[in-house]
Amino acid sequence: MSFAGSQPSPVVDHVPALVTGAISDTNAVNLTFANVTDKITIVNATASGTTSLQIAMSEASLAGANSITLGTGQSITIEARMKAISLKKVTGTSITYAVIATLNRVEAGQFPALTTANGFEKV
């Protein structure tokens, strides 16, 4: 047996995820990840024009004050654990977006719903 063959297999702690798309109407786009994120970058990748991309942790948060708006070409990186994100076009005819996430080993189903009032039961 060789030295390399006797070594344990490496444990992969993080897996990258990339989602791209376009939004041309005012309906929310809800992205759900298989695993929980450690870090997530959202990019309003629209090349030109005046556009606004609204982002939040849930579709319900898009209607309230718990959201962030990115202009054309802007991006934000958030170091947070989340299992879903919602995107919505606010201004512009069409928005191109990119979401780059670092997923950890926690499956989304094992992570509590932090945006609901459950009495902080699992937090």
PDB file of N, CA and C in Angstrom:
ATOM      1  N   MET A   1       0.849  -1.181   0.000  1.00  0.00           N
ATOM      2  CA  MET A   1       0.000   0.000   0.000  1.00  0.00           C
ATOM      3  C   MET A   1       0.886   1.231   0.000  1.00  0.00           C
ATOM      4  N   SER A   2       0.563   2.177  -0.841  1.00  0.00           N
ATOM      5  CA  SER A   2       1.338   3.408  -0.915  1.00  0.00           C
ATOM      6  C   SER A   2       0.949   4.357   0.208  1.00  0.00           C
ATOM      7  N   PHE A   3       1.819   5.323   0.459  1.00  0.00           N
ATOM      8  CA  PHE A   3       1.543   6.319   1.492  1.00  0.00           C
ATOM      9  C   PHE A   3       0.275   7.099   1.169  1.00  0.00           C
ATOM     10  N   ALA A   4       0.102   7.519  -0.098  1.00  0.00           N
ATOM     11  CA  ALA A   4      -1.066   8.304  -0.492  1.00  0.00           C
ATOM     12  C   ALA A   4      -2.346   7.492  -0.332  1.00  0.00           C
ATOM     13  N   GLY A   5      -2.298   6.197  -0.586  1.00  0.00           N
ATOM     14  CA  GLY A   5      -3.477   5.352  -0.479  1.00  0.00           C
ATOM     15  C   GLY A   5      -3.913   5.103   0.946  1.00  0.00           C
ATOM     16  N   SER A   6      -3.005   5.301   1.905  1.00  0.00           N
ATOM     17  CA  SER A   6      -3.352   5.034   3.297  1.00  0.00           C
ATOM     18  C   SER A   6      -3.854   6.270   4.041  1.00  0.00           C
ATOM     19  N   GLN A   7      -3.896   7.400   3.366  1.00  0.00           N
ATOM     20  CA  GLN A   7      -4.337   8.642   3.994  1.00  0.00           C
ATOM     21  C   GLN A   7      -5.866   8.733   3.993  1.00  0.00           C
ATOM     22  N   PRO A   8      -6.447   9.324   5.045  1.00  0.00           N
ATOM     23  CA  PRO A   8      -7.908   9.470   5.062  1.00  0.00           C
ATOM     24  C   PRO A   8      -8.376  10.437   3.973  1.00  0.00           C
ATOM     25  N   SER A   9      -9.576  10.248   3.507  1.00  0.00           N
ATOM     26  CA  SER A   9     -10.156  11.146   2.511  1.00  0.00           C
ATOM     27  C   SER A   9     -10.383  12.516   3.136  1.00  0.00           C
ATOM     28  N   PRO A  10     -10.123  13.579   2.391  1.00  0.00           N
ATOM     29  CA  PRO A  10     -10.345  14.917   2.946  1.00  0.00           C
ATOM     30  C   PRO A  10     -11.836  15.194   3.144  1.00  0.00           C
ATOM     31  N   VAL A  11     -12.139  15.956   4.165  1.00  0.00           N
ATOM     32  CA  VAL A  11     -13.514  16.362   4.429  1.00  0.00           C
ATOM     33  C   VAL A  11     -13.723  17.723   3.771  1.00  0.00           C
ATOM     34  N   VAL A  12     -14.730  17.809   2.944  1.00  0.00           N
ATOM     35  CA  VAL A  12     -15.027  19.066   2.275  1.00  0.00           C
ATOM     36  C   VAL A  12     -15.996  19.854   3.161  1.00  0.00           C
ATOM     37  N   ASP A  13     -15.516  20.972   3.701  1.00  0.00           N
ATOM     38  CA  ASP A  13     -16.346  21.768   4.599  1.00  0.00           C
ATOM     39  C   ASP A  13     -17.233  22.756   3.864  1.00  0.00           C
ATOM     40  N   HIS A  14     -16.818  23.167   2.671  1.00  0.00           N
ATOM     41  CA  HIS A  14     -17.588  24.168   1.930  1.00  0.00           C
ATOM     42  C   HIS A  14     -17.697  23.785   0.468  1.00  0.00           C
ATOM     43  N   VAL A  15     -18.849  24.095  -0.096  1.00  0.00           N
ATOM     44  CA  VAL A  15     -19.108  23.825  -1.504  1.00  0.00           C
ATOM     45  C   VAL A  15     -19.610  25.126  -2.133  1.00  0.00           C
ATOM     46  N   PRO A  16     -19.044  25.526  -3.268  1.00  0.00           N
ATOM     47  CA  PRO A  16     -19.523  26.749  -3.917  1.00  0.00           C
ATOM     48  C   PRO A  16     -20.826  26.510  -4.674  1.00  0.00           C
ATOM     49  N   ALA A  17     -21.628  27.532  -4.762  1.00  0.00           N
ATOM     50  CA  ALA A  17     -22.876  27.478  -5.537  1.00  0.00           C
ATOM     51  C   ALA A  17     -23.000  28.780  -6.312  1.00  0.00           C
ATOM     52  N   LEU A  18     -23.429  28.679  -7.568  1.00  0.00           N
ATOM     53  CA  LEU A  18     -23.604  29.851  -8.421  1.00  0.00           C
ATOM     54  C   LEU A  18     -24.954  29.756  -9.108  1.00  0.00           C
ATOM     55  N   VAL A  19     -25.732  30.825  -8.996  1.00  0.00           N
ATOM     56  CA  VAL A  19     -27.029  30.913  -9.669  1.00  0.00           C
ATOM     57  C   VAL A  19     -27.062  32.235 -10.419  1.00  0.00           C
ATOM     58  N   THR A  20     -27.402  32.191 -11.699  1.00  0.00           N
ATOM     59  CA  THR A  20     -27.552  33.413 -12.484  1.00  0.00           C
ATOM     60  C   THR A  20     -28.924  33.403 -13.143  1.00  0.00           C
ATOM     61  N   GLY A  21     -29.404  34.573 -13.469  1.00  0.00           N
ATOM     62  CA  GLY A  21     -30.697  34.653 -14.128  1.00  0.00           C
ATOM     63  C   GLY A  21     -31.068  36.077 -14.465  1.00  0.00           C
ATOM     64  N   ALA A  22     -32.285  36.240 -14.937  1.00  0.00           N
ATOM     65  CA  ALA A  22     -32.798  37.560 -15.286  1.00  0.00           C
ATOM     66  C   ALA A  22     -34.219  37.686 -14.764  1.00  0.00           C
ATOM     67  N   ILE A  23     -34.571  38.889 -14.374  1.00  0.00           N
ATOM     68  CA  ILE A  23     -35.926  39.194 -13.898  1.00  0.00           C
ATOM     69  C   ILE A  23     -36.482  40.297 -14.790  1.00  0.00           C
ATOM     70  N   SER A  24     -37.611  40.029 -15.446  1.00  0.00           N
ATOM     71  CA  SER A  24     -38.196  41.049 -16.327  1.00  0.00           C
ATOM     72  C   SER A  24     -39.570  41.509 -15.853  1.00  0.00           C
ATOM     73  N   ASP A  25     -40.111  40.879 -14.824  1.00  0.00           N
ATOM     74  CA  ASP A  25     -41.400  41.317 -14.281  1.00  0.00           C
ATOM     75  C   ASP A  25     -41.213  41.701 -12.815  1.00  0.00           C
ATOM     76  N   THR A  26     -42.289  41.982 -12.111  1.00  0.00           N
ATOM     77  CA  THR A  26     -42.178  42.410 -10.715  1.00  0.00           C
ATOM     78  C   THR A  26     -42.447  41.281  -9.727  1.00  0.00           C
ATOM     79  N   ASN A  27     -42.472  40.037 -10.209  1.00  0.00           N
ATOM     80  CA  ASN A  27     -42.636  38.897  -9.304  1.00  0.00           C
ATOM     81  C   ASN A  27     -41.313  38.587  -8.619  1.00  0.00           C
ATOM     82  N   ALA A  28     -41.378  38.128  -7.386  1.00  0.00           N
ATOM     83  CA  ALA A  28     -40.174  37.775  -6.641  1.00  0.00           C
ATOM     84  C   ALA A  28     -39.598  36.465  -7.162  1.00  0.00           C
ATOM     85  N   VAL A  29     -38.283  36.388  -7.136  1.00  0.00           N
ATOM     86  CA  VAL A  29     -37.565  35.146  -7.444  1.00  0.00           C
ATOM     87  C   VAL A  29     -37.041  34.622  -6.120  1.00  0.00           C
ATOM     88  N   ASN A  30     -37.473  33.426  -5.743  1.00  0.00           N
ATOM     89  CA  ASN A  30     -37.059  32.823  -4.484  1.00  0.00           C
ATOM     90  C   ASN A  30     -36.052  31.717  -4.761  1.00  0.00           C
ATOM     91  N   LEU A  31     -34.848  31.875  -4.210  1.00  0.00           N
ATOM     92  CA  LEU A  31     -33.802  30.877  -4.374  1.00  0.00           C
ATOM     93  C   LEU A  31     -33.638  30.121  -3.066  1.00  0.00           C
ATOM     94  N   THR A  32     -33.670  28.799  -3.140  1.00  0.00           N
ATOM     95  CA  THR A  32     -33.492  27.952  -1.968  1.00  0.00           C
ATOM     96  C   THR A  32     -32.250  27.109  -2.174  1.00  0.00           C
ATOM     97  N   PHE A  33     -31.406  27.034  -1.166  1.00  0.00           N
ATOM     98  CA  PHE A  33     -30.168  26.280  -1.235  1.00  0.00           C
ATOM     99  C   PHE A  33     -30.346  24.924  -0.571  1.00  0.00           C
ATOM    100  N   ALA A  34     -29.635  23.917  -1.052  1.00  0.00           N
ATOM    101  CA  ALA A  34     -29.699  22.574  -0.467  1.00  0.00           C
ATOM    102  C   ALA A  34     -29.061  22.557   0.921  1.00  0.00           C
ATOM    103  N   ASN A  35     -28.035  23.380   1.091  1.00  0.00           N
ATOM    104  CA  ASN A  35     -27.363  23.493   2.378  1.00  0.00           C
ATOM    105  C   ASN A  35     -27.348  24.959   2.795  1.00  0.00           C
ATOM    106  N   VAL A  36     -27.017  25.204   4.039  1.00  0.00           N
ATOM    107  CA  VAL A  36     -26.989  26.548   4.603  1.00  0.00           C
ATOM    108  C   VAL A  36     -25.730  27.272   4.114  1.00  0.00           C
ATOM    109  N   THR A  37     -25.848  28.572   3.877  1.00  0.00           N
ATOM    110  CA  THR A  37     -24.708  29.364   3.429  1.00  0.00           C
ATOM    111  C   THR A  37     -23.848  29.793   4.613  1.00  0.00           C
ATOM    112  N   ASP A  38     -22.579  30.037   4.339  1.00  0.00           N
ATOM    113  CA  ASP A  38     -21.692  30.722   5.279  1.00  0.00           C
ATOM    114  C   ASP A  38     -21.444  32.143   4.800  1.00  0.00           C
ATOM    115  N   LYS A  39     -21.361  32.272   3.472  1.00  0.00           N
ATOM    116  CA  LYS A  39     -21.142  33.581   2.852  1.00  0.00           C
ATOM    117  C   LYS A  39     -21.910  33.596   1.545  1.00  0.00           C
ATOM    118  N   ILE A  40     -22.472  34.760   1.217  1.00  0.00           N
ATOM    119  CA  ILE A  40     -23.238  34.880  -0.015  1.00  0.00           C
ATOM    120  C   ILE A  40     -22.977  36.250  -0.631  1.00  0.00           C
ATOM    121  N   THR A  41     -22.767  36.260  -1.946  1.00  0.00           N
ATOM    122  CA  THR A  41     -22.581  37.505  -2.685  1.00  0.00           C
ATOM    123  C   THR A  41     -23.704  37.618  -3.703  1.00  0.00           C
ATOM    124  N   ILE A  42     -24.386  38.757  -3.717  1.00  0.00           N
ATOM    125  CA  ILE A  42     -25.457  39.016  -4.673  1.00  0.00           C
ATOM    126  C   ILE A  42     -25.004  40.170  -5.555  1.00  0.00           C
ATOM    127  N   VAL A  43     -25.136  40.003  -6.870  1.00  0.00           N
ATOM    128  CA  VAL A  43     -24.678  40.998  -7.825  1.00  0.00           C
ATOM    129  C   VAL A  43     -25.829  41.414  -8.728  1.00  0.00           C
ATOM    130  N   ASN A  44     -26.052  42.722  -8.844  1.00  0.00           N
ATOM    131  CA  ASN A  44     -26.929  43.249  -9.890  1.00  0.00           C
ATOM    132  C   ASN A  44     -26.022  43.380 -11.106  1.00  0.00           C
ATOM    133  N   ALA A  45     -26.024  42.351 -11.946  1.00  0.00           N
ATOM    134  CA  ALA A  45     -25.074  42.256 -13.061  1.00  0.00           C
ATOM    135  C   ALA A  45     -25.576  42.921 -14.338  1.00  0.00           C
ATOM    136  N   THR A  46     -26.604  43.744 -14.236  1.00  0.00           N
ATOM    137  CA  THR A  46     -27.124  44.454 -15.401  1.00  0.00           C
ATOM    138  C   THR A  46     -26.026  45.362 -15.947  1.00  0.00           C
ATOM    139  N   ALA A  47     -25.792  45.293 -17.269  1.00  0.00           N
ATOM    140  CA  ALA A  47     -24.667  45.998 -17.878  1.00  0.00           C
ATOM    141  C   ALA A  47     -24.880  47.505 -17.982  1.00  0.00           C
ATOM    142  N   SER A  48     -26.085  47.940 -18.265  1.00  0.00           N
ATOM    143  CA  SER A  48     -26.306  49.375 -18.431  1.00  0.00           C
ATOM    144  C   SER A  48     -27.740  49.732 -18.067  1.00  0.00           C
ATOM    145  N   GLY A  49     -28.002  51.022 -17.980  1.00  0.00           N
ATOM    146  CA  GLY A  49     -29.339  51.480 -17.622  1.00  0.00           C
ATOM    147  C   GLY A  49     -29.469  51.674 -16.132  1.00  0.00           C
ATOM    148  N   THR A  50     -30.618  52.151 -15.727  1.00  0.00           N
ATOM    149  CA  THR A  50     -30.900  52.373 -14.318  1.00  0.00           C
ATOM    150  C   THR A  50     -31.796  51.246 -13.826  1.00  0.00           C
ATOM    151  N   THR A  51     -31.250  50.406 -12.971  1.00  0.00           N
ATOM    152  CA  THR A  51     -32.012  49.279 -12.423  1.00  0.00           C
ATOM    153  C   THR A  51     -31.843  49.226 -10.919  1.00  0.00           C
ATOM    154  N   SER A  52     -32.818  48.628 -10.260  1.00  0.00           N
ATOM    155  CA  SER A  52     -32.739  48.402  -8.822  1.00  0.00           C
ATOM    156  C   SER A  52     -33.165  46.976  -8.543  1.00  0.00           C
ATOM    157  N   LEU A  53     -32.295  46.236  -7.852  1.00  0.00           N
ATOM    158  CA  LEU A  53     -32.566  44.859  -7.458  1.00  0.00           C
ATOM    159  C   LEU A  53     -32.721  44.821  -5.955  1.00  0.00           C
ATOM    160  N   GLN A  54     -33.888  44.396  -5.489  1.00  0.00           N
ATOM    161  CA  GLN A  54     -34.170  44.322  -4.061  1.00  0.00           C
ATOM    162  C   GLN A  54     -33.902  42.901  -3.597  1.00  0.00           C
ATOM    163  N   ILE A  55     -33.206  42.748  -2.464  1.00  0.00           N
ATOM    164  CA  ILE A  55     -32.904  41.431  -1.918  1.00  0.00           C
ATOM    165  C   ILE A  55     -33.324  41.356  -0.463  1.00  0.00           C
ATOM    166  N   ALA A  56     -33.775  40.174  -0.045  1.00  0.00           N
ATOM    167  CA  ALA A  56     -34.187  39.947   1.340  1.00  0.00           C
ATOM    168  C   ALA A  56     -34.068  38.462   1.647  1.00  0.00           C
ATOM    169  N   MET A  57     -34.191  38.114   2.917  1.00  0.00           N
ATOM    170  CA  MET A  57     -34.085  36.714   3.328  1.00  0.00           C
ATOM    171  C   MET A  57     -35.353  35.926   3.060  1.00  0.00           C
ATOM    172  N   SER A  58     -36.445  36.610   2.771  1.00  0.00           N
ATOM    173  CA  SER A  58     -37.696  35.925   2.444  1.00  0.00           C
ATOM    174  C   SER A  58     -38.546  36.844   1.563  1.00  0.00           C
ATOM    175  N   GLU A  59     -39.523  36.266   0.887  1.00  0.00           N
ATOM    176  CA  GLU A  59     -40.404  37.076   0.039  1.00  0.00           C
ATOM    177  C   GLU A  59     -41.208  38.063   0.865  1.00  0.00           C
ATOM    178  N   ALA A  60     -41.619  37.656   2.077  1.00  0.00           N
ATOM    179  CA  ALA A  60     -42.376  38.559   2.942  1.00  0.00           C
ATOM    180  C   ALA A  60     -41.539  39.783   3.328  1.00  0.00           C
ATOM    181  N   SER A  61     -40.236  39.609   3.488  1.00  0.00           N
ATOM    182  CA  SER A  61     -39.363  40.723   3.860  1.00  0.00           C
ATOM    183  C   SER A  61     -39.180  41.729   2.732  1.00  0.00           C
ATOM    184  N   LEU A  62     -39.435  41.318   1.490  1.00  0.00           N
ATOM    185  CA  LEU A  62     -39.327  42.257   0.370  1.00  0.00           C
ATOM    186  C   LEU A  62     -40.342  43.388   0.483  1.00  0.00           C
ATOM    187  N   ALA A  63     -41.497  43.106   1.098  1.00  0.00           N
ATOM    188  CA  ALA A  63     -42.552  44.110   1.234  1.00  0.00           C
ATOM    189  C   ALA A  63     -42.290  45.069   2.395  1.00  0.00           C
ATOM    190  N   GLY A  64     -41.422  44.683   3.308  1.00  0.00           N
ATOM    191  CA  GLY A  64     -41.162  45.515   4.480  1.00  0.00           C
ATOM    192  C   GLY A  64     -39.842  46.248   4.391  1.00  0.00           C
ATOM    193  N   ALA A  65     -39.361  46.639   5.545  1.00  0.00           N
ATOM    194  CA  ALA A  65     -38.120  47.405   5.618  1.00  0.00           C
ATOM    195  C   ALA A  65     -36.893  46.514   5.773  1.00  0.00           C
ATOM    196  N   ASN A  66     -37.068  45.203   5.733  1.00  0.00           N
ATOM    197  CA  ASN A  66     -35.966  44.275   5.955  1.00  0.00           C
ATOM    198  C   ASN A  66     -35.350  43.807   4.641  1.00  0.00           C
ATOM    199  N   SER A  67     -34.996  44.750   3.792  1.00  0.00           N
ATOM    200  CA  SER A  67     -34.409  44.404   2.504  1.00  0.00           C
ATOM    201  C   SER A  67     -33.310  45.400   2.157  1.00  0.00           C
ATOM    202  N   ILE A  68     -32.528  45.035   1.150  1.00  0.00           N
ATOM    203  CA  ILE A  68     -31.446  45.882   0.645  1.00  0.00           C
ATOM    204  C   ILE A  68     -31.675  46.052  -0.847  1.00  0.00           C
ATOM    205  N   THR A  69     -31.395  47.225  -1.382  1.00  0.00           N
ATOM    206  CA  THR A  69     -31.544  47.476  -2.806  1.00  0.00           C
ATOM    207  C   THR A  69     -30.181  47.757  -3.420  1.00  0.00           C
ATOM    208  N   LEU A  70     -29.899  47.060  -4.528  1.00  0.00           N
ATOM    209  CA  LEU A  70     -28.644  47.242  -5.256  1.00  0.00           C
ATOM    210  C   LEU A  70     -28.916  47.900  -6.595  1.00  0.00           C
ATOM    211  N   GLY A  71     -28.150  48.931  -6.925  1.00  0.00           N
ATOM    212  CA  GLY A  71     -28.264  49.583  -8.219  1.00  0.00           C
ATOM    213  C   GLY A  71     -27.473  48.832  -9.286  1.00  0.00           C
ATOM    214  N   THR A  72     -27.533  49.310 -10.502  1.00  0.00           N
ATOM    215  CA  THR A  72     -26.827  48.699 -11.630  1.00  0.00           C
ATOM    216  C   THR A  72     -25.350  48.512 -11.314  1.00  0.00           C
ATOM    217  N   GLY A  73     -24.859  47.287 -11.474  1.00  0.00           N
ATOM    218  CA  GLY A  73     -23.447  46.990 -11.262  1.00  0.00           C
ATOM    219  C   GLY A  73     -23.016  46.854  -9.813  1.00  0.00           C
ATOM    220  N   GLN A  74     -23.910  47.052  -8.867  1.00  0.00           N
ATOM    221  CA  GLN A  74     -23.544  46.958  -7.460  1.00  0.00           C
ATOM    222  C   GLN A  74     -23.631  45.513  -6.972  1.00  0.00           C
ATOM    223  N   SER A  75     -22.891  45.243  -5.891  1.00  0.00           N
ATOM    224  CA  SER A  75     -22.934  43.917  -5.274  1.00  0.00           C
ATOM    225  C   SER A  75     -22.793  44.060  -3.768  1.00  0.00           C
ATOM    226  N   ILE A  76     -23.139  42.996  -3.067  1.00  0.00           N
ATOM    227  CA  ILE A  76     -22.980  42.955  -1.618  1.00  0.00           C
ATOM    228  C   ILE A  76     -22.584  41.533  -1.235  1.00  0.00           C
ATOM    229  N   THR A  77     -21.667  41.428  -0.284  1.00  0.00           N
ATOM    230  CA  THR A  77     -21.275  40.137   0.272  1.00  0.00           C
ATOM    231  C   THR A  77     -21.694  40.117   1.732  1.00  0.00           C
ATOM    232  N   ILE A  78     -22.406  39.074   2.099  1.00  0.00           N
ATOM    233  CA  ILE A  78     -22.937  38.936   3.453  1.00  0.00           C
ATOM    234  C   ILE A  78     -22.405  37.643   4.046  1.00  0.00           C
ATOM    235  N   GLU A  79     -21.785  37.740   5.207  1.00  0.00           N
ATOM    236  CA  GLU A  79     -21.359  36.536   5.913  1.00  0.00           C
ATOM    237  C   GLU A  79     -22.478  36.174   6.878  1.00  0.00           C
ATOM    238  N   ALA A  80     -23.362  35.330   6.405  1.00  0.00           N
ATOM    239  CA  ALA A  80     -24.541  34.958   7.192  1.00  0.00           C
ATOM    240  C   ALA A  80     -24.982  33.554   6.826  1.00  0.00           C
ATOM    241  N   ARG A  81     -25.596  32.913   7.770  1.00  0.00           N
ATOM    242  CA  ARG A  81     -26.152  31.587   7.517  1.00  0.00           C
ATOM    243  C   ARG A  81     -27.618  31.742   7.142  1.00  0.00           C
ATOM    244  N   MET A  82     -27.920  31.310   5.937  1.00  0.00           N
ATOM    245  CA  MET A  82     -29.296  31.360   5.452  1.00  0.00           C
ATOM    246  C   MET A  82     -29.524  30.199   4.510  1.00  0.00           C
ATOM    247  N   LYS A  83     -30.785  29.831   4.358  1.00  0.00           N
ATOM    248  CA  LYS A  83     -31.107  28.714   3.471  1.00  0.00           C
ATOM    249  C   LYS A  83     -31.888  29.156   2.245  1.00  0.00           C
ATOM    250  N   ALA A  84     -32.247  30.440   2.180  1.00  0.00           N
ATOM    251  CA  ALA A  84     -33.000  30.957   1.036  1.00  0.00           C
ATOM    252  C   ALA A  84     -32.773  32.463   0.940  1.00  0.00           C
ATOM    253  N   ILE A  85     -33.030  32.984  -0.250  1.00  0.00           N
ATOM    254  CA  ILE A  85     -32.946  34.419  -0.482  1.00  0.00           C
ATOM    255  C   ILE A  85     -33.989  34.775  -1.538  1.00  0.00           C
ATOM    256  N   SER A  86     -34.545  35.973  -1.435  1.00  0.00           N
ATOM    257  CA  SER A  86     -35.546  36.431  -2.394  1.00  0.00           C
ATOM    258  C   SER A  86     -35.036  37.668  -3.112  1.00  0.00           C
ATOM    259  N   LEU A  87     -35.300  37.732  -4.419  1.00  0.00           N
ATOM    260  CA  LEU A  87     -34.871  38.843  -5.266  1.00  0.00           C
ATOM    261  C   LEU A  87     -36.078  39.415  -5.988  1.00  0.00           C
ATOM    262  N   LYS A  88     -36.059  40.732  -6.230  1.00  0.00           N
ATOM    263  CA  LYS A  88     -37.176  41.361  -6.923  1.00  0.00           C
ATOM    264  C   LYS A  88     -36.682  42.574  -7.697  1.00  0.00           C
ATOM    265  N   LYS A  89     -37.193  42.739  -8.909  1.00  0.00           N
ATOM    266  CA  LYS A  89     -36.878  43.920  -9.719  1.00  0.00           C
ATOM    267  C   LYS A  89     -37.736  45.071  -9.216  1.00  0.00           C
ATOM    268  N   VAL A  90     -37.088  46.201  -8.915  1.00  0.00           N
ATOM    269  CA  VAL A  90     -37.815  47.387  -8.466  1.00  0.00           C
ATOM    270  C   VAL A  90     -37.944  48.380  -9.617  1.00  0.00           C
ATOM    271  N   THR A  91     -36.821  48.671 -10.284  1.00  0.00           N
ATOM    272  CA  THR A  91     -36.844  49.568 -11.443  1.00  0.00           C
ATOM    273  C   THR A  91     -36.035  48.951 -12.574  1.00  0.00           C
ATOM    274  N   GLY A  92     -36.323  49.384 -13.791  1.00  0.00           N
ATOM    275  CA  GLY A  92     -35.635  48.881 -14.965  1.00  0.00           C
ATOM    276  C   GLY A  92     -36.522  47.912 -15.729  1.00  0.00           C
ATOM    277  N   THR A  93     -36.183  47.695 -16.985  1.00  0.00           N
ATOM    278  CA  THR A  93     -36.991  46.785 -17.800  1.00  0.00           C
ATOM    279  C   THR A  93     -36.626  45.331 -17.561  1.00  0.00           C
ATOM    280  N   SER A  94     -35.367  45.060 -17.308  1.00  0.00           N
ATOM    281  CA  SER A  94     -34.900  43.706 -17.044  1.00  0.00           C
ATOM    282  C   SER A  94     -33.631  43.785 -16.213  1.00  0.00           C
ATOM    283  N   ILE A  95     -33.478  42.863 -15.284  1.00  0.00           N
ATOM    284  CA  ILE A  95     -32.301  42.834 -14.415  1.00  0.00           C
ATOM    285  C   ILE A  95     -31.634  41.472 -14.549  1.00  0.00           C
ATOM    286  N   THR A  96     -30.328  41.494 -14.730  1.00  0.00           N
ATOM    287  CA  THR A  96     -29.533  40.279 -14.708  1.00  0.00           C
ATOM    288  C   THR A  96     -28.871  40.200 -13.339  1.00  0.00           C
ATOM    289  N   TYR A  97     -28.928  39.026 -12.720  1.00  0.00           N
ATOM    290  CA  TYR A  97     -28.361  38.883 -11.381  1.00  0.00           C
ATOM    291  C   TYR A  97     -27.450  37.662 -11.319  1.00  0.00           C
ATOM    292  N   ALA A  98     -26.580  37.672 -10.318  1.00  0.00           N
ATOM    293  CA  ALA A  98     -25.738  36.526 -10.008  1.00  0.00           C
ATOM    294  C   ALA A  98     -25.715  36.376  -8.492  1.00  0.00           C
ATOM    295  N   VAL A  99     -25.830  35.143  -8.034  1.00  0.00           N
ATOM    296  CA  VAL A  99     -25.741  34.833  -6.615  1.00  0.00           C
ATOM    297  C   VAL A  99     -24.646  33.788  -6.460  1.00  0.00           C
ATOM    298  N   ILE A 100     -23.618  34.128  -5.694  1.00  0.00           N
ATOM    299  CA  ILE A 100     -22.507  33.230  -5.443  1.00  0.00           C
ATOM    300  C   ILE A 100     -22.515  32.931  -3.950  1.00  0.00           C
ATOM    301  N   ALA A 101     -22.617  31.659  -3.595  1.00  0.00           N
ATOM    302  CA  ALA A 101     -22.721  31.294  -2.179  1.00  0.00           C
ATOM    303  C   ALA A 101     -21.680  30.246  -1.818  1.00  0.00           C
ATOM    304  N   THR A 102     -21.233  30.300  -0.577  1.00  0.00           N
ATOM    305  CA  THR A 102     -20.402  29.253   0.001  1.00  0.00           C
ATOM    306  C   THR A 102     -21.310  28.463   0.935  1.00  0.00           C
ATOM    307  N   LEU A 103     -21.564  27.204   0.574  1.00  0.00           N
ATOM    308  CA  LEU A 103     -22.465  26.363   1.358  1.00  0.00           C
ATOM    309  C   LEU A 103     -21.667  25.512   2.337  1.00  0.00           C
ATOM    310  N   ASN A 104     -22.170  25.391   3.565  1.00  0.00           N
ATOM    311  CA  ASN A 104     -21.509  24.545   4.549  1.00  0.00           C
ATOM    312  C   ASN A 104     -22.156  23.159   4.561  1.00  0.00           C
ATOM    313  N   ARG A 105     -21.865  22.355   5.559  1.00  0.00           N
ATOM    314  CA  ARG A 105     -22.338  20.970   5.596  1.00  0.00           C
ATOM    315  C   ARG A 105     -23.718  20.816   6.251  1.00  0.00           C
ATOM    316  N   VAL A 106     -24.294  21.892   6.761  1.00  0.00           N
ATOM    317  CA  VAL A 106     -25.607  21.824   7.403  1.00  0.00           C
ATOM    318  C   VAL A 106     -26.689  21.821   6.324  1.00  0.00           C
ATOM    319  N   GLU A 107     -27.510  20.788   6.317  1.00  0.00           N
ATOM    320  CA  GLU A 107     -28.599  20.719   5.345  1.00  0.00           C
ATOM    321  C   GLU A 107     -29.660  21.754   5.686  1.00  0.00           C
ATOM    322  N   ALA A 108     -30.283  22.324   4.661  1.00  0.00           N
ATOM    323  CA  ALA A 108     -31.267  23.398   4.858  1.00  0.00           C
ATOM    324  C   ALA A 108     -32.411  22.965   5.771  1.00  0.00           C
ATOM    325  N   GLY A 109     -32.832  21.715   5.692  1.00  0.00           N
ATOM    326  CA  GLY A 109     -33.926  21.220   6.525  1.00  0.00           C
ATOM    327  C   GLY A 109     -33.585  21.157   8.005  1.00  0.00           C
ATOM    328  N   GLN A 110     -32.300  21.170   8.344  1.00  0.00           N
ATOM    329  CA  GLN A 110     -31.868  21.139   9.744  1.00  0.00           C
ATOM    330  C   GLN A 110     -31.752  22.534  10.345  1.00  0.00           C
ATOM    331  N   PHE A 111     -31.920  23.565   9.518  1.00  0.00           N
ATOM    332  CA  PHE A 111     -31.751  24.947   9.954  1.00  0.00           C
ATOM    333  C   PHE A 111     -33.115  25.544  10.261  1.00  0.00           C
ATOM    334  N   PRO A 112     -33.293  26.213  11.408  1.00  0.00           N
ATOM    335  CA  PRO A 112     -34.614  26.751  11.758  1.00  0.00           C
ATOM    336  C   PRO A 112     -35.020  27.935  10.876  1.00  0.00           C
ATOM    337  N   ALA A 113     -36.307  28.185  10.813  1.00  0.00           N
ATOM    338  CA  ALA A 113     -36.842  29.344  10.095  1.00  0.00           C
ATOM    339  C   ALA A 113     -36.690  30.559  11.002  1.00  0.00           C
ATOM    340  N   LEU A 114     -35.696  31.384  10.736  1.00  0.00           N
ATOM    341  CA  LEU A 114     -35.396  32.523  11.611  1.00  0.00           C
ATOM    342  C   LEU A 114     -36.311  33.712  11.351  1.00  0.00           C
ATOM    343  N   THR A 115     -37.036  33.712  10.241  1.00  0.00           N
ATOM    344  CA  THR A 115     -37.886  34.853   9.920  1.00  0.00           C
ATOM    345  C   THR A 115     -39.314  34.694  10.402  1.00  0.00           C
ATOM    346  N   THR A 116     -39.597  33.610  11.095  1.00  0.00           N
ATOM    347  CA  THR A 116     -40.942  33.410  11.626  1.00  0.00           C
ATOM    348  C   THR A 116     -40.910  33.549  13.140  1.00  0.00           C
ATOM    349  N   ALA A 117     -42.037  33.886  13.716  1.00  0.00           N
ATOM    350  CA  ALA A 117     -42.142  34.042  15.163  1.00  0.00           C
ATOM    351  C   ALA A 117     -42.474  32.696  15.793  1.00  0.00           C
ATOM    352  N   ASN A 118     -41.455  31.932  16.115  1.00  0.00           N
ATOM    353  CA  ASN A 118     -41.670  30.632  16.754  1.00  0.00           C
ATOM    354  C   ASN A 118     -41.231  30.656  18.207  1.00  0.00           C
ATOM    355  N   GLY A 119     -41.177  31.820  18.802  1.00  0.00           N
ATOM    356  CA  GLY A 119     -40.750  31.931  20.203  1.00  0.00           C
ATOM    357  C   GLY A 119     -39.287  31.634  20.392  1.00  0.00           C
ATOM    358  N   PHE A 120     -38.500  31.750  19.339  1.00  0.00           N
ATOM    359  CA  PHE A 120     -37.067  31.459  19.371  1.00  0.00           C
ATOM    360  C   PHE A 120     -36.789  30.038  19.861  1.00  0.00           C
ATOM    361  N   GLU A 121     -37.696  29.149  19.500  1.00  0.00           N
ATOM    362  CA  GLU A 121     -37.644  27.772  19.959  1.00  0.00           C
ATOM    363  C   GLU A 121     -36.325  27.075  19.617  1.00  0.00           C
ATOM    364  N   LYS A 122     -35.836  27.249  18.397  1.00  0.00           N
ATOM    365  CA  LYS A 122     -34.638  26.523  17.976  1.00  0.00           C
ATOM    366  C   LYS A 122     -33.424  27.419  17.807  1.00  0.00           C
ATOM    367  N   VAL A 123     -33.506  28.649  18.260  1.00  0.00           N
ATOM    368  CA  VAL A 123     -32.416  29.577  18.071  1.00  0.00           C
ATOM    369  C   VAL A 123     -31.477  29.517  19.255  1.00  0.00           C
TER     370      VAL A 123
END
